Each structure stands twice: as structure tokens, then as C-alpha cells.
Amino acid sequence: MRRRPGLLVLAALLLVAWTGGLTLAAQQPETQPPAGDGQQQPGAGAQVHTGTSSGLDFDARLQNLLADHQFIRLESELGQLSAEESQFYRGILANRNNDLKKSIELLEPLLDEVSANGNTAHEKELRKALAEDYLRQGDWAKAAKAYQALETRLQSKMSAEEQDEIEMPVKMLPLAKDNPPMTVDPCEPFVLQVEKDSLGLIDVPVFVDARPHSWMLDPTAPFNLIARSLAKEAGLKVSDDAVTIHTLTGRPIQVHTTVIPRFTVGGRLTLHDMTAFVFEDADYFFPLTHYQVEGVLGYAALSALGSVTITRDDTIQVRPAKQIAPAEKDEFLQDGARFFLDGDQVIVALGTTSAGAPSTEARSGEERMYAVDAGGQQTYLTSRYFDEHMGDFASQKMELFTLPGPLVTPPQPAYVAETVPLTVGTTTVHVHYLRVLTQPLGAAALDDVYGVLGVDALDQLGSYTFDYRTMRFSVKPE
């Protein structure tokens, strides 16, 4: 899994609790962003847009588009290939579109061939995509085997950053490989009242075997998490085996696994045999605010919710993926912007509307890719955004800004954008007072998007919707 911004924020906060001091920084550079079209971007050093250089062969261009999250542009390029030649990329794109069945059908038959032909880049992408497919399906045994094979075959070909991305599933999934699959009861649409916790993140009312609790909602967390004290209170069987992981909080912690026989979201949507990983209470306790994280609702639970609309009045409107009566056609979100799942990042294709310009949905080749992180507190725009809007800051004074994160690095030069128009489908919204970095941070997970939209930006909207049934993201202005 990619070490995403939301985890970096939580890691920083946890390190504050652990050390008693302030530790705020960006992730230490491991690898450079993918090389691109050879056009030097002002103020960005070696950072370039990817995938349009006539000097690169076609497959290399497609690889660059994939690494740069340019999924819509990649789709438009595949018409130049035969169906057989494009099967690899169609399978990867199906993974990013969360079409798990199609991704597996396309990629599984290619596994032996790609593994034997010596193309390390293709094998790495294929094995990661298949492993993610099995994980999102909740097939614990297949996912554990796939991640183990990925590490065994390709660890020596991975950067330290890439190894960090897969640390959690490689170590944690063997604990759950014998767990039963989760099932979901049909449920009609409902509205849920939620609240903001002391970290500014959304807590959702849940029932763990009929006991009421509040769990943090994190759309990009790959796993459900539960505090040991809560697991004990609910009488859950916790595995004797444990593993030590580092990338969740930035320091070593031990996790076990458990299966929750009956888990209910808001007293309405019931999940059976839900796998959760057990952390020690002290590892998710924030002494400055006396806030104890009881649990985290990750992707598996969120996907069962189907379509989730989060409003400014602290309500969540849920249209479950599995309903008692067939869902009406107009219940499926068709407008808004497309979003994609890349590892544990949610990547949204936004338009490039300037202030005062009319709203038009991003066309292929014109979209700008942003990460939406509803589990992270901090919004920032990257040097890629700055390179395209440099003139907007000519009269402003530069400031130093330090990103939350587990490693200490120097503060980064940045400006404050008073108003930033963002086009989501055909709707333009204006968000205010966002930090704009002027230089790359040197880590792909932080540099390869135009910005990371956290809760401080999302809270400025009237509402926003993730529809996992149509893979569309929409917003309404304040």
C-alpha cells in the first residue's frame, strides 16, 4: 500500500503523543517522480509531465501515464493496440476503476507469461493489481499468497518506498488467511447522524455485537482496525499470533487479528464475519486531546455502504451496495468527476477551470489528478499546481511550511492560495486558504498529484459524495 497523506498526518500526531514534542515533516525522499515528456517545468527541477515524449517507445509512454495516474489518457491510448496487446493495461485500469472481477479475468491469465518474460515493471504492476483485487474482494487467502509472491519475487527490485507500500498487507494478511469472507445483509437507503472527533475527522456510530461505539471513517484505509480493549469488551477472539508493522504510525506497533461476528453501521447496515486488525489502545491514543480511537472503518466496510454523501450538518446519506428492493436508476451517481483507487489512494480527475471561467467537465488529456483524503486533516497543493499557476503568486510573500509526517525534514517554501476554483464534473467550487508548495518533496506518493484534498478543504463544501457503484465523486457548494 502507498504511504498516503492521511496516514502521514496520523503518524505525526501519534509521534507527538509518543515523544511529547512536535514532529511535523514531509516523508523523506526515496524515489523521484516518474520522468515525463521532457518539457522542463519552471521551478520544479527535474519534475516533468509524463507520457508525451516522441522519443519514448509506446509501452514506455503507457507505463509513464500509469505511474502518473493519467488513467483517462491511458484509456484513450489503448485503441492503438490490439485486444491481445492491450489486455495488460485493460486489466490494470479495471483495478483502478474498482472493477475487480474484470481485472482478475484479464490479469490472471497473463501472470505466468509476464513473470517469465523479464519485464520487471509489468510484473510488478500486474502482481500488485491482482493482490489488491483479492484484498478488496475480501479473499484473505488469495490476497496473502499474492502479496507474499510479490515480495518474494520482486523485493530486490523494489525501492524502499515501494517496500513500505506493501508492508502492511504482506505482514498482516497471513494472520487473516483462514478468516471467513464477510457477508452483508440487504438494507434500504438511510441517513446517519455523525460527529467530528477531536482530530477533526468523522466518527460513525457502530454496534460491535450489539454494543454501541464510535469508529473513525477512513475511505482510504485498506483494513478495518479495532482497539484491544473494545475487542475484549465484546468478547471477540483475538489471534495469538501477531506481527510488528512500522508504516501505520511511523513507529513499531504490534497487531493481531479478529473476526467480528456481527457489526452494524448506524443500527441499519449489518455486516457478518467482518475481519478487523487489533491494535493496542496506547498506539491510537492522543493525550493532548484525551481521544482514544476505538476503531477505524476501512475500505471493506465503506464499499458495503455503496454510495456515501457527507454533508456539512454532520449527516451521512447512505445508499447501500446491496438493497432490499432494486435501486432506482436515478440513485446511481452519473455526474461529477471520475475517481480511481490506486493502492490506498483515492485519485480524482478534476477540471482546470480558472476563477470566473465557465464550468466544463475535464476532457481526456486536460484533467488534473488530485488525491481526496477524507481521513487526513491537511490540504496542500503540490509544485505541479504551482508550476501552472505561478503568476497567481507573483505579488505574494513566500512562507515556510512543514507537512505532517513521521520523519523530520526542513520546512518547505510555500504560498497561501486565498481562493482555488476546483471543477468537479460540471460543478465548480471554491476552496480557500490552501498551502501551495513550490518545490517537489521528492517522494512519489506526495509529488505525483496536483494536490491532496483533506478534511479542511472538504469541510468548506456543502456536501460531497463517493459512489463506489459508479466510481464517481461529486460535490455541492457551501
Protein backbone atom coordinates (compact mmCIF):
# COMPACT_ATOMS: atom_id res chain seq x y z
CA MET A 1 0.00 0.00 0.00
CA ARG A 2 1.18 3.50 -0.76
CA ARG A 3 2.05 5.52 2.35
CA ARG A 4 -0.66 8.12 1.81
CA PRO A 5 -1.00 11.60 3.27
CA GLY A 6 -3.75 10.67 5.73
CA LEU A 7 -1.54 8.05 7.34
CA LEU A 8 1.29 10.59 7.44
CA VAL A 9 -0.93 13.00 9.37
CA LEU A 10 -1.97 10.35 11.89
CA ALA A 11 1.62 9.21 12.15
CA ALA A 12 2.72 12.72 13.02
CA LEU A 13 0.01 13.10 15.65
CA LEU A 14 0.85 9.75 17.17
CA LEU A 15 4.52 10.67 17.31
CA VAL A 16 3.56 13.85 19.17
CA ALA A 17 1.79 11.66 21.72
CA TRP A 18 4.72 9.23 21.84
CA THR A 19 7.55 11.74 22.20
CA GLY A 20 5.73 14.55 24.00
CA GLY A 21 7.08 17.01 21.43
CA LEU A 22 6.26 18.33 17.98
CA THR A 23 7.35 16.21 14.99
CA LEU A 24 5.98 17.60 11.74
CA ALA A 25 7.67 16.92 8.42
CA ALA A 26 7.34 15.53 4.92
CA GLN A 27 8.27 11.99 4.02
CA GLN A 28 11.99 11.55 3.36
CA PRO A 29 12.69 11.30 -0.39
CA GLU A 30 13.10 7.75 -1.62
CA THR A 31 12.48 7.91 -5.34
CA GLN A 32 11.98 10.63 -7.90
CA PRO A 33 8.63 11.19 -9.61
CA PRO A 34 8.33 9.40 -12.96
CA ALA A 35 10.15 11.01 -15.87
CA GLY A 36 7.93 12.53 -18.49
CA ASP A 37 7.62 14.43 -21.69
CA GLY A 38 10.91 16.25 -21.46
CA GLN A 39 9.32 19.68 -21.01
CA GLN A 40 11.04 21.42 -18.12
CA GLN A 41 8.57 22.85 -15.64
CA PRO A 42 9.59 26.19 -14.18
CA GLY A 43 10.62 25.93 -10.55
CA ALA A 44 10.22 22.14 -10.49
CA GLY A 45 13.76 20.98 -11.16
CA ALA A 46 13.58 17.54 -12.74
CA GLN A 47 9.82 17.23 -12.31
CA VAL A 48 8.06 16.82 -15.66
CA HIS A 49 4.70 15.87 -17.09
CA THR A 50 4.79 12.31 -18.31
CA GLY A 51 3.78 10.28 -21.29
CA THR A 52 4.02 12.55 -24.33
CA SER A 53 7.63 12.33 -25.48
CA SER A 54 8.06 11.15 -29.05
CA GLY A 55 11.42 9.75 -28.01
CA LEU A 56 9.86 7.09 -25.79
CA ASP A 57 8.51 3.87 -27.24
CA PHE A 58 4.78 3.31 -26.94
CA ASP A 59 4.88 0.91 -23.99
CA ALA A 60 7.13 3.26 -22.05
CA ARG A 61 4.67 6.09 -22.67
CA LEU A 62 1.83 3.93 -21.35
CA GLN A 63 3.91 2.99 -18.31
CA ASN A 64 4.54 6.67 -17.62
CA LEU A 65 0.84 7.50 -17.91
CA LEU A 66 0.05 4.71 -15.48
CA ALA A 67 2.69 5.85 -12.97
CA ASP A 68 1.37 9.42 -13.26
CA HIS A 69 -2.26 8.39 -12.52
CA GLN A 70 -3.30 9.57 -16.02
CA PHE A 71 -5.86 6.79 -16.31
CA ILE A 72 -8.27 8.60 -18.63
CA ARG A 73 -5.48 9.46 -21.07
CA LEU A 74 -4.24 5.87 -20.85
CA GLU A 75 -7.70 4.57 -21.75
CA SER A 76 -7.74 6.76 -24.87
CA GLU A 77 -4.35 5.41 -25.98
CA LEU A 78 -5.32 1.74 -25.89
CA GLY A 79 -7.27 1.98 -29.16
CA GLN A 80 -3.91 1.89 -30.91
CA LEU A 81 -3.30 -1.65 -29.62
CA SER A 82 -4.94 -4.93 -30.48
CA ALA A 83 -7.20 -6.52 -27.85
CA GLU A 84 -4.46 -9.02 -27.00
CA GLU A 85 -1.76 -6.34 -26.76
CA SER A 86 -3.89 -4.11 -24.55
CA GLN A 87 -5.04 -6.86 -22.17
CA PHE A 88 -2.40 -5.99 -19.56
CA TYR A 89 -3.35 -2.31 -19.43
CA ARG A 90 -7.08 -3.00 -19.54
CA GLY A 91 -6.64 -5.26 -16.53
CA ILE A 92 -4.69 -2.63 -14.61
CA LEU A 93 -7.28 0.03 -15.47
CA ALA A 94 -10.08 -2.28 -14.31
CA ASN A 95 -8.25 -2.50 -10.98
CA ARG A 96 -8.07 1.30 -10.76
CA ASN A 97 -11.79 1.51 -11.69
CA ASN A 98 -12.57 -0.98 -8.89
CA ASP A 99 -13.96 -3.49 -11.40
CA LEU A 100 -12.39 -6.39 -9.54
CA LYS A 101 -13.97 -9.25 -11.48
CA LYS A 102 -12.86 -7.83 -14.83
CA SER A 103 -9.38 -7.05 -13.54
CA ILE A 104 -8.87 -10.61 -12.30
CA GLU A 105 -10.26 -12.12 -15.52
CA LEU A 106 -7.83 -10.08 -17.60
CA LEU A 107 -4.72 -10.31 -15.43
CA GLU A 108 -4.69 -13.86 -14.05
CA PRO A 109 -4.11 -15.48 -17.48
CA LEU A 110 -1.12 -13.17 -18.04
CA LEU A 111 0.66 -13.90 -14.75
CA ASP A 112 2.93 -16.75 -15.90
CA GLU A 113 3.76 -15.12 -19.22
CA VAL A 114 4.62 -11.73 -17.75
CA SER A 115 6.62 -13.35 -14.93
CA ALA A 116 8.69 -15.28 -17.46
CA ASN A 117 9.42 -12.53 -19.99
CA GLY A 118 11.70 -10.46 -17.74
CA ASN A 119 9.68 -7.23 -17.84
CA THR A 120 10.01 -6.29 -14.18
CA ALA A 121 7.85 -3.18 -14.45
CA HIS A 122 4.94 -5.14 -15.95
CA GLU A 123 5.28 -7.97 -13.45
CA LYS A 124 5.33 -5.55 -10.53
CA GLU A 125 2.20 -3.73 -11.72
CA LEU A 126 0.37 -6.96 -12.51
CA ARG A 127 1.14 -8.66 -9.20
CA LYS A 128 0.26 -5.54 -7.18
CA ALA A 129 -3.03 -5.10 -9.03
CA LEU A 130 -4.04 -8.75 -8.57
CA ALA A 131 -3.10 -8.66 -4.89
CA GLU A 132 -5.21 -5.51 -4.43
CA ASP A 133 -8.12 -7.14 -6.30
CA TYR A 134 -8.13 -10.13 -3.92
CA LEU A 135 -7.77 -7.83 -0.90
CA ARG A 136 -10.73 -5.65 -1.92
CA GLN A 137 -12.79 -8.78 -2.57
CA GLY A 138 -12.04 -9.95 0.96
CA ASP A 139 -10.39 -13.16 -0.27
CA TRP A 140 -7.85 -13.24 2.52
CA ALA A 141 -6.07 -16.44 1.49
CA LYS A 142 -5.55 -15.37 -2.13
CA ALA A 143 -4.53 -11.87 -1.10
CA ALA A 144 -1.99 -13.18 1.42
CA LYS A 145 -0.50 -15.55 -1.17
CA ALA A 146 -0.37 -12.83 -3.84
CA TYR A 147 1.39 -10.30 -1.62
CA GLN A 148 3.87 -12.93 -0.41
CA ALA A 149 4.67 -13.83 -4.02
CA LEU A 150 5.10 -10.15 -4.89
CA GLU A 151 7.60 -9.68 -2.08
CA THR A 152 9.46 -12.94 -2.71
CA ARG A 153 9.92 -12.36 -6.43
CA LEU A 154 10.44 -8.63 -6.59
CA GLN A 155 11.65 -7.30 -3.24
CA SER A 156 15.18 -6.81 -4.58
CA LYS A 157 13.72 -4.78 -7.47
CA MET A 158 11.66 -2.50 -5.20
CA SER A 159 12.66 0.84 -3.77
CA ALA A 160 12.38 1.42 -0.03
CA GLU A 161 9.23 3.43 -0.72
CA GLU A 162 7.66 0.56 -2.68
CA GLN A 163 8.53 -1.88 0.10
CA ASP A 164 6.84 0.43 2.62
CA GLU A 165 3.72 0.44 0.42
CA ILE A 166 3.23 -3.31 0.82
CA GLU A 167 4.48 -3.77 4.39
CA MET A 168 1.03 -3.86 5.98
CA PRO A 169 -0.64 -6.41 3.65
CA VAL A 170 2.49 -8.58 3.40
CA LYS A 171 2.73 -8.91 7.18
CA MET A 172 -0.91 -8.65 8.26
CA LEU A 173 -2.75 -10.78 5.72
CA PRO A 174 -1.20 -14.12 6.80
CA LEU A 175 -2.89 -13.53 10.17
CA ALA A 176 -6.27 -13.44 8.41
CA LYS A 177 -5.78 -16.03 5.64
CA ASP A 178 -8.13 -18.54 7.31
CA ASN A 179 -10.82 -15.99 8.20
CA PRO A 180 -14.27 -16.43 6.62
CA PRO A 181 -15.44 -13.98 3.95
CA MET A 182 -17.54 -11.03 5.08
CA THR A 183 -21.22 -11.01 4.11
CA VAL A 184 -23.63 -8.07 4.05
CA ASP A 185 -27.38 -8.02 4.69
CA PRO A 186 -29.53 -6.09 2.19
CA CYS A 187 -30.54 -2.68 3.51
CA GLU A 188 -32.64 0.23 2.30
CA PRO A 189 -31.07 3.73 1.96
CA PHE A 190 -30.76 5.61 5.24
CA VAL A 191 -29.44 8.81 6.82
CA LEU A 192 -26.93 8.66 9.63
CA GLN A 193 -26.04 11.37 12.14
CA VAL A 194 -22.29 11.53 12.75
CA GLU A 195 -19.90 13.75 14.69
CA LYS A 196 -16.39 15.15 14.35
CA ASP A 197 -13.83 13.77 16.74
CA SER A 198 -11.14 15.85 18.44
CA LEU A 199 -8.87 15.30 15.44
CA GLY A 200 -11.45 16.88 13.13
CA LEU A 201 -12.23 13.55 11.46
CA ILE A 202 -15.62 11.82 11.12
CA ASP A 203 -16.71 9.30 13.74
CA VAL A 204 -19.55 6.96 12.79
CA PRO A 205 -21.90 5.25 15.29
CA VAL A 206 -21.50 1.48 15.06
CA PHE A 207 -22.51 -1.61 17.03
CA VAL A 208 -19.98 -4.36 17.74
CA ASP A 209 -22.12 -7.37 18.63
CA ALA A 210 -24.88 -5.00 19.88
CA ARG A 211 -22.50 -2.78 21.87
CA PRO A 212 -22.53 0.90 20.74
CA HIS A 213 -19.26 2.59 19.80
CA SER A 214 -17.88 5.32 17.52
CA TRP A 215 -15.41 4.40 14.81
CA MET A 216 -13.35 6.72 12.66
CA LEU A 217 -14.36 6.77 8.97
CA ASP A 218 -11.35 6.49 6.65
CA PRO A 219 -12.28 5.79 2.99
CA THR A 220 -8.69 5.01 2.04
CA ALA A 221 -7.69 2.67 4.87
CA PRO A 222 -7.24 -0.83 3.39
CA PHE A 223 -8.13 -2.59 6.65
CA ASN A 224 -10.66 -2.28 9.47
CA LEU A 225 -8.98 -1.66 12.82
CA ILE A 226 -10.21 -2.21 16.39
CA ALA A 227 -8.77 -1.34 19.81
CA ARG A 228 -7.82 -4.29 22.02
CA SER A 229 -9.96 -3.07 24.93
CA LEU A 230 -13.03 -2.91 22.69
CA ALA A 231 -12.32 -6.40 21.30
CA LYS A 232 -12.03 -7.71 24.84
CA GLU A 233 -15.24 -5.97 25.93
CA ALA A 234 -17.12 -7.51 23.01
CA GLY A 235 -15.77 -10.97 23.83
CA LEU A 236 -14.01 -11.32 20.47
CA LYS A 237 -11.39 -14.00 19.94
CA VAL A 238 -8.08 -12.27 19.22
CA SER A 239 -5.37 -14.22 17.42
CA ASP A 240 -2.41 -15.41 19.47
CA ASP A 241 -0.13 -14.62 16.54
CA ALA A 242 0.88 -11.02 15.95
CA VAL A 243 3.10 -9.07 13.59
CA THR A 244 5.07 -5.87 14.02
CA ILE A 245 4.47 -3.12 11.49
CA HIS A 246 6.04 0.33 11.13
CA THR A 247 4.24 2.19 8.34
CA LEU A 248 0.86 2.68 10.03
CA THR A 249 2.06 5.06 12.75
CA GLY A 250 5.71 5.66 11.90
CA ARG A 251 6.95 3.54 14.81
CA PRO A 252 6.83 -0.20 15.58
CA ILE A 253 3.46 -1.47 16.77
CA GLN A 254 2.06 -4.97 17.15
CA VAL A 255 -1.24 -6.01 15.60
CA HIS A 256 -3.35 -9.15 15.95
CA THR A 257 -6.49 -10.10 14.05
CA THR A 258 -10.08 -10.91 14.96
CA VAL A 259 -13.41 -11.64 13.29
CA ILE A 260 -16.47 -9.66 14.39
CA PRO A 261 -19.49 -11.97 14.01
CA ARG A 262 -21.99 -9.11 13.75
CA PHE A 263 -21.14 -5.48 13.02
CA THR A 264 -23.78 -2.83 12.35
CA VAL A 265 -23.28 0.66 10.95
CA GLY A 266 -25.73 3.13 12.48
CA GLY A 267 -28.05 0.37 13.54
CA ARG A 268 -29.03 -0.18 9.90
CA LEU A 269 -26.40 -1.88 7.73
CA THR A 270 -25.29 -5.24 9.14
CA LEU A 271 -22.02 -6.96 8.25
CA HIS A 272 -21.28 -10.54 9.28
CA ASP A 273 -17.83 -12.06 9.89
CA MET A 274 -16.02 -8.75 9.45
CA THR A 275 -12.26 -9.09 9.76
CA ALA A 276 -10.54 -6.40 11.80
CA PHE A 277 -6.97 -5.98 12.94
CA VAL A 278 -6.41 -5.38 16.65
CA PHE A 279 -4.12 -2.60 17.86
CA GLU A 280 -3.09 -1.79 21.41
CA ASP A 281 -5.08 1.12 22.84
CA ALA A 282 -1.96 3.16 23.58
CA ASP A 283 -0.97 3.09 19.90
CA TYR A 284 -4.02 5.15 18.93
CA PHE A 285 -4.42 7.39 21.96
CA PHE A 286 -3.92 11.16 21.74
CA PRO A 287 -3.13 12.52 25.23
CA LEU A 288 -3.28 16.19 24.21
CA THR A 289 -7.00 15.83 23.44
CA HIS A 290 -7.64 12.69 25.56
CA TYR A 291 -9.01 10.99 22.44
CA GLN A 292 -8.93 7.22 22.13
CA VAL A 293 -9.55 5.72 18.70
CA GLU A 294 -11.91 2.79 19.24
CA GLY A 295 -11.80 1.56 15.65
CA VAL A 296 -11.33 2.55 12.03
CA LEU A 297 -13.80 1.78 9.24
CA GLY A 298 -11.72 0.99 6.19
CA TYR A 299 -12.40 0.12 2.57
CA ALA A 300 -14.21 -3.20 3.18
CA ALA A 301 -16.91 -1.60 5.31
CA LEU A 302 -17.11 1.53 3.17
CA SER A 303 -17.63 -0.40 -0.07
CA ALA A 304 -20.65 -2.12 1.52
CA LEU A 305 -22.14 1.35 2.06
CA GLY A 306 -22.23 1.75 -1.73
CA SER A 307 -22.74 5.49 -2.08
CA VAL A 308 -21.93 7.87 0.76
CA THR A 309 -22.85 11.57 0.85
CA ILE A 310 -21.28 13.56 3.67
CA THR A 311 -22.93 16.90 4.45
CA ARG A 312 -21.94 19.98 6.41
CA ASP A 313 -24.65 19.34 9.01
CA ASP A 314 -22.84 16.18 10.10
CA THR A 315 -25.10 13.69 8.38
CA ILE A 316 -24.21 10.85 6.04
CA GLN A 317 -26.68 9.69 3.41
CA VAL A 318 -26.08 6.03 2.55
CA ARG A 319 -27.30 4.12 -0.50
CA PRO A 320 -26.09 0.58 0.21
CA ALA A 321 -24.48 -1.51 -2.49
CA LYS A 322 -26.92 -4.32 -1.64
CA GLN A 323 -30.51 -3.15 -1.18
CA ILE A 324 -33.73 -4.99 -0.33
CA ALA A 325 -35.59 -3.55 -3.34
CA PRO A 326 -33.74 -2.87 -6.63
CA ALA A 327 -32.19 0.59 -6.61
CA GLU A 328 -33.79 3.17 -8.87
CA LYS A 329 -31.74 4.28 -11.86
CA ASP A 330 -31.55 7.87 -10.62
CA GLU A 331 -29.97 6.67 -7.34
CA PHE A 332 -26.72 5.93 -9.15
CA LEU A 333 -24.43 8.94 -9.41
CA GLN A 334 -23.62 9.64 -13.05
CA ASP A 335 -22.37 13.24 -12.95
CA GLY A 336 -19.41 14.55 -11.01
CA ALA A 337 -15.79 13.54 -11.59
CA ARG A 338 -14.43 10.06 -12.08
CA PHE A 339 -12.37 8.69 -9.25
CA PHE A 340 -9.95 5.80 -9.13
CA LEU A 341 -8.38 3.57 -6.48
CA ASP A 342 -4.60 3.34 -6.71
CA GLY A 343 -3.29 1.32 -3.82
CA ASP A 344 -4.86 3.08 -0.85
CA GLN A 345 -5.15 6.44 -2.59
CA VAL A 346 -8.41 7.85 -3.94
CA ILE A 347 -7.46 9.76 -7.10
CA VAL A 348 -9.98 12.20 -8.61
CA ALA A 349 -9.88 13.68 -12.13
CA LEU A 350 -10.69 17.39 -11.81
CA GLY A 351 -11.02 20.11 -14.42
CA THR A 352 -8.77 23.14 -14.84
CA THR A 353 -11.32 25.97 -14.64
CA SER A 354 -9.85 29.34 -13.67
CA ALA A 355 -11.65 31.84 -11.49
CA GLY A 356 -14.61 33.31 -13.38
CA ALA A 357 -14.47 30.77 -16.21
CA PRO A 358 -17.46 28.52 -17.01
CA SER A 359 -17.58 25.00 -15.60
CA THR A 360 -16.85 22.19 -18.04
CA GLU A 361 -16.10 18.59 -17.24
CA ALA A 362 -12.48 17.63 -17.75
CA ARG A 363 -11.79 16.11 -21.15
CA SER A 364 -9.23 13.39 -21.78
CA GLY A 365 -5.78 14.91 -21.60
CA GLU A 366 -6.97 18.02 -19.74
CA GLU A 367 -7.85 16.56 -16.34
CA ARG A 368 -5.67 17.15 -13.30
CA MET A 369 -5.36 14.34 -10.80
CA TYR A 370 -5.85 15.09 -7.10
CA ALA A 371 -5.91 12.80 -4.08
CA VAL A 372 -9.02 13.11 -1.92
CA ASP A 373 -8.23 12.10 1.63
CA ALA A 374 -11.30 12.24 3.88
CA GLY A 375 -9.17 10.61 6.60
CA GLY A 376 -6.48 13.30 6.56
CA GLN A 377 -6.57 16.74 8.13
CA GLN A 378 -4.19 18.70 5.93
CA THR A 379 -4.87 20.01 2.41
CA TYR A 380 -2.00 21.18 0.26
CA LEU A 381 -1.34 21.77 -3.43
CA THR A 382 1.89 20.48 -4.90
CA SER A 383 4.60 22.03 -7.02
CA ARG A 384 2.79 20.66 -10.07
CA TYR A 385 -0.09 23.01 -9.31
CA PHE A 386 2.33 25.86 -8.60
CA ASP A 387 4.09 25.41 -11.95
CA GLU A 388 0.79 26.00 -13.79
CA HIS A 389 -0.32 28.94 -11.60
CA MET A 390 2.99 30.61 -10.82
CA GLY A 391 1.74 34.02 -11.95
CA ASP A 392 -1.01 34.00 -9.30
CA PHE A 393 1.64 34.30 -6.57
CA ALA A 394 3.94 36.94 -8.10
CA SER A 395 2.98 39.60 -5.57
CA GLN A 396 2.78 37.32 -2.54
CA LYS A 397 5.35 36.65 0.14
CA MET A 398 6.64 33.10 0.37
CA GLU A 399 6.39 31.31 3.71
CA LEU A 400 7.92 28.15 5.12
CA PHE A 401 5.51 25.28 5.65
CA THR A 402 6.08 21.89 7.26
CA LEU A 403 3.94 18.94 6.28
CA PRO A 404 2.83 16.46 8.94
CA GLY A 405 4.77 13.23 8.76
CA PRO A 406 6.88 10.76 10.70
CA LEU A 407 10.31 11.96 9.50
CA VAL A 408 11.95 15.29 10.14
CA THR A 409 12.89 17.33 7.05
CA PRO A 410 13.36 21.08 6.62
CA PRO A 411 10.29 23.29 6.15
CA GLN A 412 9.28 23.76 2.53
CA PRO A 413 8.79 27.08 0.67
CA ALA A 414 5.09 27.67 0.04
CA TYR A 415 2.46 30.28 -0.70
CA VAL A 416 -1.11 30.55 0.56
CA ALA A 417 -3.78 30.50 -2.16
CA GLU A 418 -6.67 32.59 -0.90
CA THR A 419 -9.20 31.06 -3.33
CA VAL A 420 -8.78 27.99 -5.53
CA PRO A 421 -11.53 27.03 -8.01
CA LEU A 422 -11.87 23.27 -8.47
CA THR A 423 -14.06 21.79 -11.20
CA VAL A 424 -15.72 18.50 -10.20
CA GLY A 425 -17.65 17.26 -13.21
CA THR A 426 -19.65 20.30 -14.31
CA THR A 427 -19.65 21.95 -10.87
CA THR A 428 -17.04 24.47 -9.82
CA VAL A 429 -16.47 25.03 -6.12
CA HIS A 430 -14.12 27.48 -4.45
CA VAL A 431 -11.94 26.42 -1.55
CA HIS A 432 -9.94 28.90 0.47
CA TYR A 433 -6.58 29.35 2.15
CA LEU A 434 -4.68 26.36 0.80
CA ARG A 435 -0.93 25.91 1.06
CA VAL A 436 0.84 25.68 -2.30
CA LEU A 437 4.30 24.07 -2.30
CA THR A 438 6.80 25.49 -4.76
CA GLN A 439 9.22 22.56 -4.93
CA PRO A 440 8.82 18.78 -5.19
CA LEU A 441 9.14 16.91 -1.93
CA GLY A 442 10.98 14.06 -3.60
CA ALA A 443 8.52 11.27 -2.78
CA ALA A 444 6.18 9.92 -5.44
CA ALA A 445 3.27 9.47 -3.02
CA LEU A 446 3.36 13.21 -2.31
CA ASP A 447 4.51 14.71 -5.62
CA ASP A 448 2.65 12.81 -8.32
CA VAL A 449 -0.72 14.54 -7.86
CA TYR A 450 -1.66 18.21 -8.14
CA GLY A 451 -2.83 18.33 -4.56
CA VAL A 452 -4.17 16.43 -1.59
CA LEU A 453 -7.67 17.49 -0.50
CA GLY A 454 -8.13 16.76 3.20
CA VAL A 455 -10.97 17.41 5.59
CA ASP A 456 -10.06 21.08 5.98
CA ALA A 457 -10.98 21.58 2.29
CA LEU A 458 -13.89 19.13 2.25
CA ASP A 459 -15.44 20.87 5.26
CA GLN A 460 -15.78 24.02 3.13
CA LEU A 461 -18.26 22.22 0.84
CA GLY A 462 -21.99 21.86 1.28
CA SER A 463 -21.63 18.12 0.70
CA TYR A 464 -19.53 15.58 -1.16
CA THR A 465 -20.35 12.10 -2.42
CA PHE A 466 -18.32 8.97 -3.11
CA ASP A 467 -20.35 6.50 -5.19
CA TYR A 468 -18.40 3.25 -5.31
CA ARG A 469 -21.08 1.74 -7.58
CA THR A 470 -20.31 4.13 -10.45
CA MET A 471 -16.88 5.34 -9.29
CA ARG A 472 -17.99 8.96 -9.35
CA PHE A 473 -17.20 11.79 -6.95
CA SER A 474 -19.48 14.84 -6.74
CA VAL A 475 -19.68 17.98 -4.64
CA LYS A 476 -22.13 20.73 -3.84
CA PRO A 477 -21.03 24.27 -2.95
CA GLU A 478 -21.43 25.63 0.54
